[in-house]
Amino acid sequence: MTPGKSDLSELSDTRLAAALAAGDVDAVDVRYRRYGGDAFSLAVRILGDPGRAEDAVQDAFVRVWKRAASFAADRGSVRTWLLTIVRNCSIDHLRGSQHERISEAC
């Protein structure tokens, strides 16, 4: 039996990561409730635009879902792992917008 959201919200980050890696969809929601604000704040600081930050955070949480099994507790915290993914997605969005501006200028 899969624990409900209320049960998942009581789990430690490491156990929540295991639930996510096992394919528990509710674990993504719990992870977002825990770290969505931090993720959005970081993305806004990098991108300077709340709309683009929302896109970057959404992309990051999709990556978290797809790569949940790659989390290694011995390498760092879940928060650090997640925010690194948000940072990378935000940079990808920056690079994409810079490429669009260069293409438009030519």
PDB file of N, CA and C in Angstrom:
ATOM      1  N   MET A   1       0.837  -1.179   0.000  1.00  0.00           N
ATOM      2  CA  MET A   1       0.000   0.000   0.000  1.00  0.00           C
ATOM      3  C   MET A   1       0.884   1.246   0.000  1.00  0.00           C
ATOM      4  N   THR A   2       0.585   2.184  -0.878  1.00  0.00           N
ATOM      5  CA  THR A   2       1.339   3.421  -0.976  1.00  0.00           C
ATOM      6  C   THR A   2       0.843   4.393   0.083  1.00  0.00           C
ATOM      7  N   PRO A   3       1.748   5.005   0.838  1.00  0.00           N
ATOM      8  CA  PRO A   3       1.308   5.967   1.845  1.00  0.00           C
ATOM      9  C   PRO A   3       0.675   7.184   1.187  1.00  0.00           C
ATOM     10  N   GLY A   4      -0.271   7.827   1.873  1.00  0.00           N
ATOM     11  CA  GLY A   4      -0.913   9.029   1.363  1.00  0.00           C
ATOM     12  C   GLY A   4       0.002  10.226   1.490  1.00  0.00           C
ATOM     13  N   LYS A   5      -0.450  11.372   0.940  1.00  0.00           N
ATOM     14  CA  LYS A   5       0.366  12.588   0.994  1.00  0.00           C
ATOM     15  C   LYS A   5       0.691  12.982   2.423  1.00  0.00           C
ATOM     16  N   SER A   6      -0.279  12.838   3.315  1.00  0.00           N
ATOM     17  CA  SER A   6      -0.017  13.229   4.697  1.00  0.00           C
ATOM     18  C   SER A   6       1.069  12.351   5.307  1.00  0.00           C
ATOM     19  N   ASP A   7       1.065  11.053   4.940  1.00  0.00           N
ATOM     20  CA  ASP A   7       2.112  10.161   5.431  1.00  0.00           C
ATOM     21  C   ASP A   7       3.464  10.537   4.834  1.00  0.00           C
ATOM     22  N   LEU A   8       3.472  10.878   3.547  1.00  0.00           N
ATOM     23  CA  LEU A   8       4.721  11.245   2.882  1.00  0.00           C
ATOM     24  C   LEU A   8       5.304  12.533   3.437  1.00  0.00           C
ATOM     25  N   SER A   9       4.457  13.461   3.820  1.00  0.00           N
ATOM     26  CA  SER A   9       4.969  14.741   4.319  1.00  0.00           C
ATOM     27  C   SER A   9       5.712  14.569   5.634  1.00  0.00           C
ATOM     28  N   GLU A  10       5.500  13.456   6.298  1.00  0.00           N
ATOM     29  CA  GLU A  10       6.188  13.177   7.558  1.00  0.00           C
ATOM     30  C   GLU A  10       7.551  12.512   7.332  1.00  0.00           C
ATOM     31  N   LEU A  11       7.821  12.067   6.106  1.00  0.00           N
ATOM     32  CA  LEU A  11       9.067  11.366   5.814  1.00  0.00           C
ATOM     33  C   LEU A  11      10.260  12.316   5.778  1.00  0.00           C
ATOM     34  N   SER A  12      11.417  11.792   6.116  1.00  0.00           N
ATOM     35  CA  SER A  12      12.655  12.560   5.959  1.00  0.00           C
ATOM     36  C   SER A  12      12.912  12.755   4.464  1.00  0.00           C
ATOM     37  N   ASP A  13      13.782  13.690   4.142  1.00  0.00           N
ATOM     38  CA  ASP A  13      14.106  13.927   2.732  1.00  0.00           C
ATOM     39  C   ASP A  13      14.663  12.681   2.059  1.00  0.00           C
ATOM     40  N   THR A  14      15.486  11.945   2.750  1.00  0.00           N
ATOM     41  CA  THR A  14      16.091  10.744   2.169  1.00  0.00           C
ATOM     42  C   THR A  14      15.035   9.685   1.879  1.00  0.00           C
ATOM     43  N   ARG A  15      14.123   9.485   2.810  1.00  0.00           N
ATOM     44  CA  ARG A  15      13.053   8.501   2.595  1.00  0.00           C
ATOM     45  C   ARG A  15      12.080   8.983   1.520  1.00  0.00           C
ATOM     46  N   LEU A  16      11.862  10.292   1.461  1.00  0.00           N
ATOM     47  CA  LEU A  16      11.008  10.851   0.420  1.00  0.00           C
ATOM     48  C   LEU A  16      11.658  10.656  -0.946  1.00  0.00           C
ATOM     49  N   ALA A  17      12.983  10.796  -1.008  1.00  0.00           N
ATOM     50  CA  ALA A  17      13.709  10.560  -2.260  1.00  0.00           C
ATOM     51  C   ALA A  17      13.544   9.108  -2.700  1.00  0.00           C
ATOM     52  N   ALA A  18      13.556   8.196  -1.747  1.00  0.00           N
ATOM     53  CA  ALA A  18      13.355   6.778  -2.077  1.00  0.00           C
ATOM     54  C   ALA A  18      11.946   6.546  -2.609  1.00  0.00           C
ATOM     55  N   ALA A  19      10.953   7.206  -2.020  1.00  0.00           N
ATOM     56  CA  ALA A  19       9.572   7.079  -2.501  1.00  0.00           C
ATOM     57  C   ALA A  19       9.453   7.635  -3.917  1.00  0.00           C
ATOM     58  N   LEU A  20      10.131   8.731  -4.169  1.00  0.00           N
ATOM     59  CA  LEU A  20      10.130   9.335  -5.501  1.00  0.00           C
ATOM     60  C   LEU A  20      10.790   8.398  -6.505  1.00  0.00           C
ATOM     61  N   ALA A  21      11.911   7.825  -6.133  1.00  0.00           N
ATOM     62  CA  ALA A  21      12.613   6.887  -7.015  1.00  0.00           C
ATOM     63  C   ALA A  21      11.780   5.644  -7.285  1.00  0.00           C
ATOM     64  N   ALA A  22      10.918   5.287  -6.329  1.00  0.00           N
ATOM     65  CA  ALA A  22      10.044   4.126  -6.506  1.00  0.00           C
ATOM     66  C   ALA A  22       8.830   4.454  -7.372  1.00  0.00           C
ATOM     67  N   GLY A  23       8.707   5.713  -7.783  1.00  0.00           N
ATOM     68  CA  GLY A  23       7.634   6.098  -8.687  1.00  0.00           C
ATOM     69  C   GLY A  23       6.401   6.649  -8.015  1.00  0.00           C
ATOM     70  N   ASP A  24       6.492   7.024  -6.759  1.00  0.00           N
ATOM     71  CA  ASP A  24       5.344   7.566  -6.037  1.00  0.00           C
ATOM     72  C   ASP A  24       5.108   9.010  -6.477  1.00  0.00           C
ATOM     73  N   VAL A  25       4.028   9.240  -7.216  1.00  0.00           N
ATOM     74  CA  VAL A  25       3.717  10.552  -7.767  1.00  0.00           C
ATOM     75  C   VAL A  25       3.477  11.576  -6.653  1.00  0.00           C
ATOM     76  N   ASP A  26       2.874  11.158  -5.565  1.00  0.00           N
ATOM     77  CA  ASP A  26       2.613  12.080  -4.462  1.00  0.00           C
ATOM     78  C   ASP A  26       3.902  12.630  -3.863  1.00  0.00           C
ATOM     79  N   ALA A  27       4.993  11.907  -4.004  1.00  0.00           N
ATOM     80  CA  ALA A  27       6.277  12.373  -3.474  1.00  0.00           C
ATOM     81  C   ALA A  27       6.740  13.649  -4.184  1.00  0.00           C
ATOM     82  N   VAL A  28       6.384  13.813  -5.446  1.00  0.00           N
ATOM     83  CA  VAL A  28       6.744  15.036  -6.172  1.00  0.00           C
ATOM     84  C   VAL A  28       6.010  16.222  -5.561  1.00  0.00           C
ATOM     85  N   ASP A  29       4.736  16.033  -5.257  1.00  0.00           N
ATOM     86  CA  ASP A  29       3.942  17.101  -4.659  1.00  0.00           C
ATOM     87  C   ASP A  29       4.510  17.504  -3.300  1.00  0.00           C
ATOM     88  N   VAL A  30       4.863  16.533  -2.499  1.00  0.00           N
ATOM     89  CA  VAL A  30       5.437  16.818  -1.182  1.00  0.00           C
ATOM     90  C   VAL A  30       6.773  17.537  -1.347  1.00  0.00           C
ATOM     91  N   ARG A  31       7.579  17.075  -2.269  1.00  0.00           N
ATOM     92  CA  ARG A  31       8.873  17.718  -2.532  1.00  0.00           C
ATOM     93  C   ARG A  31       8.665  19.163  -2.976  1.00  0.00           C
ATOM     94  N   TYR A  32       7.668  19.394  -3.830  1.00  0.00           N
ATOM     95  CA  TYR A  32       7.400  20.757  -4.287  1.00  0.00           C
ATOM     96  C   TYR A  32       6.937  21.637  -3.131  1.00  0.00           C
ATOM     97  N   ARG A  33       6.079  21.112  -2.259  1.00  0.00           N
ATOM     98  CA  ARG A  33       5.616  21.900  -1.118  1.00  0.00           C
ATOM     99  C   ARG A  33       6.783  22.239  -0.181  1.00  0.00           C
ATOM    100  N   ARG A  34       7.741  21.343  -0.078  1.00  0.00           N
ATOM    101  CA  ARG A  34       8.902  21.606   0.787  1.00  0.00           C
ATOM    102  C   ARG A  34       9.861  22.617   0.187  1.00  0.00           C
ATOM    103  N   TYR A  35      10.137  22.484  -1.095  1.00  0.00           N
ATOM    104  CA  TYR A  35      11.228  23.247  -1.699  1.00  0.00           C
ATOM    105  C   TYR A  35      10.835  24.128  -2.877  1.00  0.00           C
ATOM    106  N   GLY A  36       9.565  24.184  -3.210  1.00  0.00           N
ATOM    107  CA  GLY A  36       9.128  24.995  -4.347  1.00  0.00           C
ATOM    108  C   GLY A  36       9.450  26.470  -4.184  1.00  0.00           C
ATOM    109  N   GLY A  37       9.276  26.993  -2.979  1.00  0.00           N
ATOM    110  CA  GLY A  37       9.573  28.406  -2.737  1.00  0.00           C
ATOM    111  C   GLY A  37      11.047  28.722  -2.911  1.00  0.00           C
ATOM    112  N   ASP A  38      11.895  27.861  -2.362  1.00  0.00           N
ATOM    113  CA  ASP A  38      13.343  28.049  -2.524  1.00  0.00           C
ATOM    114  C   ASP A  38      13.731  27.942  -3.995  1.00  0.00           C
ATOM    115  N   ALA A  39      13.135  26.980  -4.685  1.00  0.00           N
ATOM    116  CA  ALA A  39      13.448  26.760  -6.101  1.00  0.00           C
ATOM    117  C   ALA A  39      13.041  27.970  -6.935  1.00  0.00           C
ATOM    118  N   PHE A  40      11.835  28.477  -6.690  1.00  0.00           N
ATOM    119  CA  PHE A  40      11.359  29.634  -7.443  1.00  0.00           C
ATOM    120  C   PHE A  40      12.214  30.867  -7.154  1.00  0.00           C
ATOM    121  N   SER A  41      12.552  31.076  -5.896  1.00  0.00           N
ATOM    122  CA  SER A  41      13.382  32.221  -5.512  1.00  0.00           C
ATOM    123  C   SER A  41      14.734  32.184  -6.219  1.00  0.00           C
ATOM    124  N   LEU A  42      15.358  31.029  -6.262  1.00  0.00           N
ATOM    125  CA  LEU A  42      16.639  30.880  -6.944  1.00  0.00           C
ATOM    126  C   LEU A  42      16.495  31.160  -8.436  1.00  0.00           C
ATOM    127  N   ALA A  43      15.468  30.598  -9.046  1.00  0.00           N
ATOM    128  CA  ALA A  43      15.266  30.790 -10.485  1.00  0.00           C
ATOM    129  C   ALA A  43      15.006  32.255 -10.821  1.00  0.00           C
ATOM    130  N   VAL A  44      14.242  32.960  -9.994  1.00  0.00           N
ATOM    131  CA  VAL A  44      13.995  34.386 -10.230  1.00  0.00           C
ATOM    132  C   VAL A  44      15.298  35.176 -10.118  1.00  0.00           C
ATOM    133  N   ARG A  45      16.127  34.834  -9.140  1.00  0.00           N
ATOM    134  CA  ARG A  45      17.408  35.537  -9.000  1.00  0.00           C
ATOM    135  C   ARG A  45      18.291  35.336 -10.229  1.00  0.00           C
ATOM    136  N   ILE A  46      18.256  34.153 -10.797  1.00  0.00           N
ATOM    137  CA  ILE A  46      19.097  33.870 -11.967  1.00  0.00           C
ATOM    138  C   ILE A  46      18.512  34.493 -13.229  1.00  0.00           C
ATOM    139  N   LEU A  47      17.199  34.340 -13.406  1.00  0.00           N
ATOM    140  CA  LEU A  47      16.558  34.737 -14.658  1.00  0.00           C
ATOM    141  C   LEU A  47      16.025  36.168 -14.650  1.00  0.00           C
ATOM    142  N   GLY A  48      15.709  36.683 -13.467  1.00  0.00           N
ATOM    143  CA  GLY A  48      15.195  38.046 -13.389  1.00  0.00           C
ATOM    144  C   GLY A  48      13.778  38.220 -13.885  1.00  0.00           C
ATOM    145  N   ASP A  49      13.062  37.126 -14.096  1.00  0.00           N
ATOM    146  CA  ASP A  49      11.695  37.193 -14.624  1.00  0.00           C
ATOM    147  C   ASP A  49      10.875  36.063 -14.003  1.00  0.00           C
ATOM    148  N   PRO A  50       9.830  36.399 -13.258  1.00  0.00           N
ATOM    149  CA  PRO A  50       9.037  35.366 -12.596  1.00  0.00           C
ATOM    150  C   PRO A  50       8.403  34.342 -13.556  1.00  0.00           C
ATOM    151  N   GLY A  51       7.990  34.788 -14.723  1.00  0.00           N
ATOM    152  CA  GLY A  51       7.392  33.869 -15.696  1.00  0.00           C
ATOM    153  C   GLY A  51       8.390  32.829 -16.189  1.00  0.00           C
ATOM    154  N   ARG A  52       9.568  33.301 -16.525  1.00  0.00           N
ATOM    155  CA  ARG A  52      10.607  32.374 -16.973  1.00  0.00           C
ATOM    156  C   ARG A  52      11.074  31.493 -15.826  1.00  0.00           C
ATOM    157  N   ALA A  53      11.068  32.048 -14.615  1.00  0.00           N
ATOM    158  CA  ALA A  53      11.456  31.269 -13.439  1.00  0.00           C
ATOM    159  C   ALA A  53      10.478  30.112 -13.220  1.00  0.00           C
ATOM    160  N   GLU A  54       9.188  30.374 -13.402  1.00  0.00           N
ATOM    161  CA  GLU A  54       8.190  29.299 -13.267  1.00  0.00           C
ATOM    162  C   GLU A  54       8.482  28.172 -14.250  1.00  0.00           C
ATOM    163  N   ASP A  55       8.808  28.545 -15.485  1.00  0.00           N
ATOM    164  CA  ASP A  55       9.139  27.528 -16.496  1.00  0.00           C
ATOM    165  C   ASP A  55      10.367  26.720 -16.096  1.00  0.00           C
ATOM    166  N   ALA A  56      11.383  27.408 -15.604  1.00  0.00           N
ATOM    167  CA  ALA A  56      12.611  26.718 -15.201  1.00  0.00           C
ATOM    168  C   ALA A  56      12.354  25.775 -14.032  1.00  0.00           C
ATOM    169  N   VAL A  57      11.561  26.208 -13.070  1.00  0.00           N
ATOM    170  CA  VAL A  57      11.242  25.359 -11.916  1.00  0.00           C
ATOM    171  C   VAL A  57      10.430  24.147 -12.363  1.00  0.00           C
ATOM    172  N   GLN A  58       9.493  24.362 -13.256  1.00  0.00           N
ATOM    173  CA  GLN A  58       8.713  23.229 -13.771  1.00  0.00           C
ATOM    174  C   GLN A  58       9.636  22.233 -14.475  1.00  0.00           C
ATOM    175  N   ASP A  59      10.534  22.734 -15.305  1.00  0.00           N
ATOM    176  CA  ASP A  59      11.484  21.847 -15.976  1.00  0.00           C
ATOM    177  C   ASP A  59      12.348  21.095 -14.959  1.00  0.00           C
ATOM    178  N   ALA A  60      12.750  21.801 -13.904  1.00  0.00           N
ATOM    179  CA  ALA A  60      13.584  21.179 -12.879  1.00  0.00           C
ATOM    180  C   ALA A  60      12.840  20.050 -12.174  1.00  0.00           C
ATOM    181  N   PHE A  61      11.585  20.261 -11.834  1.00  0.00           N
ATOM    182  CA  PHE A  61      10.838  19.215 -11.149  1.00  0.00           C
ATOM    183  C   PHE A  61      10.547  18.025 -12.064  1.00  0.00           C
ATOM    184  N   VAL A  62      10.444  18.270 -13.354  1.00  0.00           N
ATOM    185  CA  VAL A  62      10.325  17.149 -14.300  1.00  0.00           C
ATOM    186  C   VAL A  62      11.631  16.350 -14.291  1.00  0.00           C
ATOM    187  N   ARG A  63      12.768  17.052 -14.295  1.00  0.00           N
ATOM    188  CA  ARG A  63      14.061  16.362 -14.227  1.00  0.00           C
ATOM    189  C   ARG A  63      14.201  15.588 -12.923  1.00  0.00           C
ATOM    190  N   VAL A  64      13.747  16.190 -11.822  1.00  0.00           N
ATOM    191  CA  VAL A  64      13.797  15.501 -10.526  1.00  0.00           C
ATOM    192  C   VAL A  64      12.994  14.216 -10.609  1.00  0.00           C
ATOM    193  N   TRP A  65      11.829  14.277 -11.209  1.00  0.00           N
ATOM    194  CA  TRP A  65      10.975  13.092 -11.349  1.00  0.00           C
ATOM    195  C   TRP A  65      11.673  12.018 -12.189  1.00  0.00           C
ATOM    196  N   LYS A  66      12.220  12.437 -13.323  1.00  0.00           N
ATOM    197  CA  LYS A  66      12.846  11.474 -14.233  1.00  0.00           C
ATOM    198  C   LYS A  66      14.153  10.906 -13.687  1.00  0.00           C
ATOM    199  N   ARG A  67      14.860  11.698 -12.881  1.00  0.00           N
ATOM    200  CA  ARG A  67      16.185  11.286 -12.404  1.00  0.00           C
ATOM    201  C   ARG A  67      16.218  11.031 -10.902  1.00  0.00           C
ATOM    202  N   ALA A  68      15.084  10.711 -10.332  1.00  0.00           N
ATOM    203  CA  ALA A  68      15.005  10.527  -8.876  1.00  0.00           C
ATOM    204  C   ALA A  68      15.980   9.473  -8.380  1.00  0.00           C
ATOM    205  N   ALA A  69      16.200   8.451  -9.164  1.00  0.00           N
ATOM    206  CA  ALA A  69      17.100   7.376  -8.738  1.00  0.00           C
ATOM    207  C   ALA A  69      18.559   7.838  -8.692  1.00  0.00           C
ATOM    208  N   SER A  70      18.870   8.975  -9.296  1.00  0.00           N
ATOM    209  CA  SER A  70      20.260   9.437  -9.309  1.00  0.00           C
ATOM    210  C   SER A  70      20.650  10.167  -8.024  1.00  0.00           C
ATOM    211  N   PHE A  71      19.678  10.445  -7.145  1.00  0.00           N
ATOM    212  CA  PHE A  71      20.017  11.107  -5.884  1.00  0.00           C
ATOM    213  C   PHE A  71      20.842  10.166  -5.020  1.00  0.00           C
ATOM    214  N   ALA A  72      21.970  10.673  -4.509  1.00  0.00           N
ATOM    215  CA  ALA A  72      22.837   9.895  -3.625  1.00  0.00           C
ATOM    216  C   ALA A  72      23.000  10.668  -2.318  1.00  0.00           C
ATOM    217  N   ALA A  73      22.416  10.149  -1.256  1.00  0.00           N
ATOM    218  CA  ALA A  73      22.445  10.830   0.044  1.00  0.00           C
ATOM    219  C   ALA A  73      23.863  11.049   0.555  1.00  0.00           C
ATOM    220  N   ASP A  74      24.791  10.200   0.158  1.00  0.00           N
ATOM    221  CA  ASP A  74      26.167  10.348   0.629  1.00  0.00           C
ATOM    222  C   ASP A  74      26.898  11.511  -0.059  1.00  0.00           C
ATOM    223  N   ARG A  75      26.290  12.068  -1.114  1.00  0.00           N
ATOM    224  CA  ARG A  75      26.926  13.173  -1.839  1.00  0.00           C
ATOM    225  C   ARG A  75      26.390  14.542  -1.444  1.00  0.00           C
ATOM    226  N   GLY A  76      25.272  14.568  -0.708  1.00  0.00           N
ATOM    227  CA  GLY A  76      24.698  15.850  -0.297  1.00  0.00           C
ATOM    228  C   GLY A  76      23.237  15.707   0.056  1.00  0.00           C
ATOM    229  N   SER A  77      22.655  16.830   0.423  1.00  0.00           N
ATOM    230  CA  SER A  77      21.250  16.823   0.836  1.00  0.00           C
ATOM    231  C   SER A  77      20.321  16.856  -0.378  1.00  0.00           C
ATOM    232  N   VAL A  78      19.083  16.487  -0.147  1.00  0.00           N
ATOM    233  CA  VAL A  78      18.068  16.553  -1.193  1.00  0.00           C
ATOM    234  C   VAL A  78      17.885  18.002  -1.646  1.00  0.00           C
ATOM    235  N   ARG A  79      17.880  18.919  -0.688  1.00  0.00           N
ATOM    236  CA  ARG A  79      17.701  20.336  -1.018  1.00  0.00           C
ATOM    237  C   ARG A  79      18.808  20.821  -1.955  1.00  0.00           C
ATOM    238  N   THR A  80      20.043  20.483  -1.649  1.00  0.00           N
ATOM    239  CA  THR A  80      21.167  20.894  -2.488  1.00  0.00           C
ATOM    240  C   THR A  80      21.059  20.276  -3.882  1.00  0.00           C
ATOM    241  N   TRP A  81      20.714  19.001  -3.938  1.00  0.00           N
ATOM    242  CA  TRP A  81      20.552  18.303  -5.222  1.00  0.00           C
ATOM    243  C   TRP A  81      19.468  18.977  -6.056  1.00  0.00           C
ATOM    244  N   LEU A  82      18.328  19.258  -5.439  1.00  0.00           N
ATOM    245  CA  LEU A  82      17.216  19.880  -6.140  1.00  0.00           C
ATOM    246  C   LEU A  82      17.582  21.286  -6.618  1.00  0.00           C
ATOM    247  N   LEU A  83      18.176  22.088  -5.752  1.00  0.00           N
ATOM    248  CA  LEU A  83      18.512  23.456  -6.137  1.00  0.00           C
ATOM    249  C   LEU A  83      19.610  23.500  -7.192  1.00  0.00           C
ATOM    250  N   THR A  84      20.462  22.501  -7.222  1.00  0.00           N
ATOM    251  CA  THR A  84      21.450  22.416  -8.302  1.00  0.00           C
ATOM    252  C   THR A  84      20.746  22.171  -9.632  1.00  0.00           C
ATOM    253  N   ILE A  85      19.740  21.328  -9.611  1.00  0.00           N
ATOM    254  CA  ILE A  85      18.959  21.073 -10.838  1.00  0.00           C
ATOM    255  C   ILE A  85      18.226  22.337 -11.264  1.00  0.00           C
ATOM    256  N   VAL A  86      17.648  23.072 -10.314  1.00  0.00           N
ATOM    257  CA  VAL A  86      16.965  24.337 -10.625  1.00  0.00           C
ATOM    258  C   VAL A  86      17.962  25.325 -11.221  1.00  0.00           C
ATOM    259  N   ARG A  87      19.132  25.415 -10.633  1.00  0.00           N
ATOM    260  CA  ARG A  87      20.169  26.308 -11.147  1.00  0.00           C
ATOM    261  C   ARG A  87      20.526  25.950 -12.589  1.00  0.00           C
ATOM    262  N   ASN A  88      20.732  24.673 -12.839  1.00  0.00           N
ATOM    263  CA  ASN A  88      21.093  24.235 -14.187  1.00  0.00           C
ATOM    264  C   ASN A  88      19.969  24.506 -15.192  1.00  0.00           C
ATOM    265  N   CYS A  89      18.737  24.255 -14.795  1.00  0.00           N
ATOM    266  CA  CYS A  89      17.604  24.545 -15.685  1.00  0.00           C
ATOM    267  C   CYS A  89      17.501  26.041 -15.957  1.00  0.00           C
ATOM    268  N   SER A  90      17.735  26.849 -14.940  1.00  0.00           N
ATOM    269  CA  SER A  90      17.680  28.304 -15.115  1.00  0.00           C
ATOM    270  C   SER A  90      18.768  28.771 -16.078  1.00  0.00           C
ATOM    271  N   ILE A  91      19.946  28.225 -15.938  1.00  0.00           N
ATOM    272  CA  ILE A  91      21.029  28.567 -16.859  1.00  0.00           C
ATOM    273  C   ILE A  91      20.689  28.117 -18.273  1.00  0.00           C
ATOM    274  N   ASP A  92      20.087  26.943 -18.402  1.00  0.00           N
ATOM    275  CA  ASP A  92      19.644  26.482 -19.728  1.00  0.00           C
ATOM    276  C   ASP A  92      18.652  27.467 -20.335  1.00  0.00           C
ATOM    277  N   HIS A  93      17.751  27.997 -19.520  1.00  0.00           N
ATOM    278  CA  HIS A  93      16.784  28.986 -20.009  1.00  0.00           C
ATOM    279  C   HIS A  93      17.487  30.283 -20.402  1.00  0.00           C
ATOM    280  N   LEU A  94      18.485  30.674 -19.639  1.00  0.00           N
ATOM    281  CA  LEU A  94      19.261  31.865 -20.000  1.00  0.00           C
ATOM    282  C   LEU A  94      19.959  31.672 -21.336  1.00  0.00           C
ATOM    283  N   ARG A  95      20.596  30.548 -21.495  1.00  0.00           N
ATOM    284  CA  ARG A  95      21.305  30.264 -22.748  1.00  0.00           C
ATOM    285  C   ARG A  95      20.336  30.238 -23.925  1.00  0.00           C
ATOM    286  N   GLY A  96      19.173  29.668 -23.703  1.00  0.00           N
ATOM    287  CA  GLY A  96      18.165  29.618 -24.764  1.00  0.00           C
ATOM    288  C   GLY A  96      17.708  31.002 -25.174  1.00  0.00           C
ATOM    289  N   SER A  97      17.493  31.888 -24.206  1.00  0.00           N
ATOM    290  CA  SER A  97      17.034  33.238 -24.534  1.00  0.00           C
ATOM    291  C   SER A  97      18.151  34.038 -25.194  1.00  0.00           C
ATOM    292  N   GLN A  98      19.408  33.802 -24.806  1.00  0.00           N
ATOM    293  CA  GLN A  98      20.514  34.497 -25.448  1.00  0.00           C
ATOM    294  C   GLN A  98      20.637  34.055 -26.903  1.00  0.00           C
ATOM    295  N   HIS A  99      20.435  32.770 -27.140  1.00  0.00           N
ATOM    296  CA  HIS A  99      20.483  32.252 -28.510  1.00  0.00           C
ATOM    297  C   HIS A  99      19.370  32.868 -29.339  1.00  0.00           C
ATOM    298  N   GLU A 100      18.177  33.020 -28.761  1.00  0.00           N
ATOM    299  CA  GLU A 100      17.053  33.621 -29.488  1.00  0.00           C
ATOM    300  C   GLU A 100      17.357  35.062 -29.835  1.00  0.00           C
ATOM    301  N   ARG A 101      17.951  35.834 -28.893  1.00  0.00           N
ATOM    302  CA  ARG A 101      18.274  37.237 -29.152  1.00  0.00           C
ATOM    303  C   ARG A 101      19.320  37.359 -30.262  1.00  0.00           C
ATOM    304  N   ILE A 102      20.308  36.484 -30.259  1.00  0.00           N
ATOM    305  CA  ILE A 102      21.340  36.514 -31.308  1.00  0.00           C
ATOM    306  C   ILE A 102      20.717  36.198 -32.654  1.00  0.00           C
ATOM    307  N   SER A 103      19.830  35.195 -32.695  1.00  0.00           N
ATOM    308  CA  SER A 103      19.174  34.812 -33.943  1.00  0.00           C
ATOM    309  C   SER A 103      18.307  35.947 -34.484  1.00  0.00           C
ATOM    310  N   GLU A 104      17.612  36.653 -33.576  1.00  0.00           N
ATOM    311  CA  GLU A 104      16.751  37.761 -33.995  1.00  0.00           C
ATOM    312  C   GLU A 104      17.570  38.924 -34.532  1.00  0.00           C
ATOM    313  N   ALA A 105      18.766  39.131 -33.993  1.00  0.00           N
ATOM    314  CA  ALA A 105      19.605  40.243 -34.410  1.00  0.00           C
ATOM    315  C   ALA A 105      20.213  40.018 -35.800  1.00  0.00           C
ATOM    316  N   CYS A 106      20.353  38.774 -36.198  1.00  0.00           N
ATOM    317  CA  CYS A 106      20.997  38.463 -37.480  1.00  0.00           C
ATOM    318  C   CYS A 106      20.045  38.579 -38.644  1.00  0.00           C
TER     319      CYS A 106
END
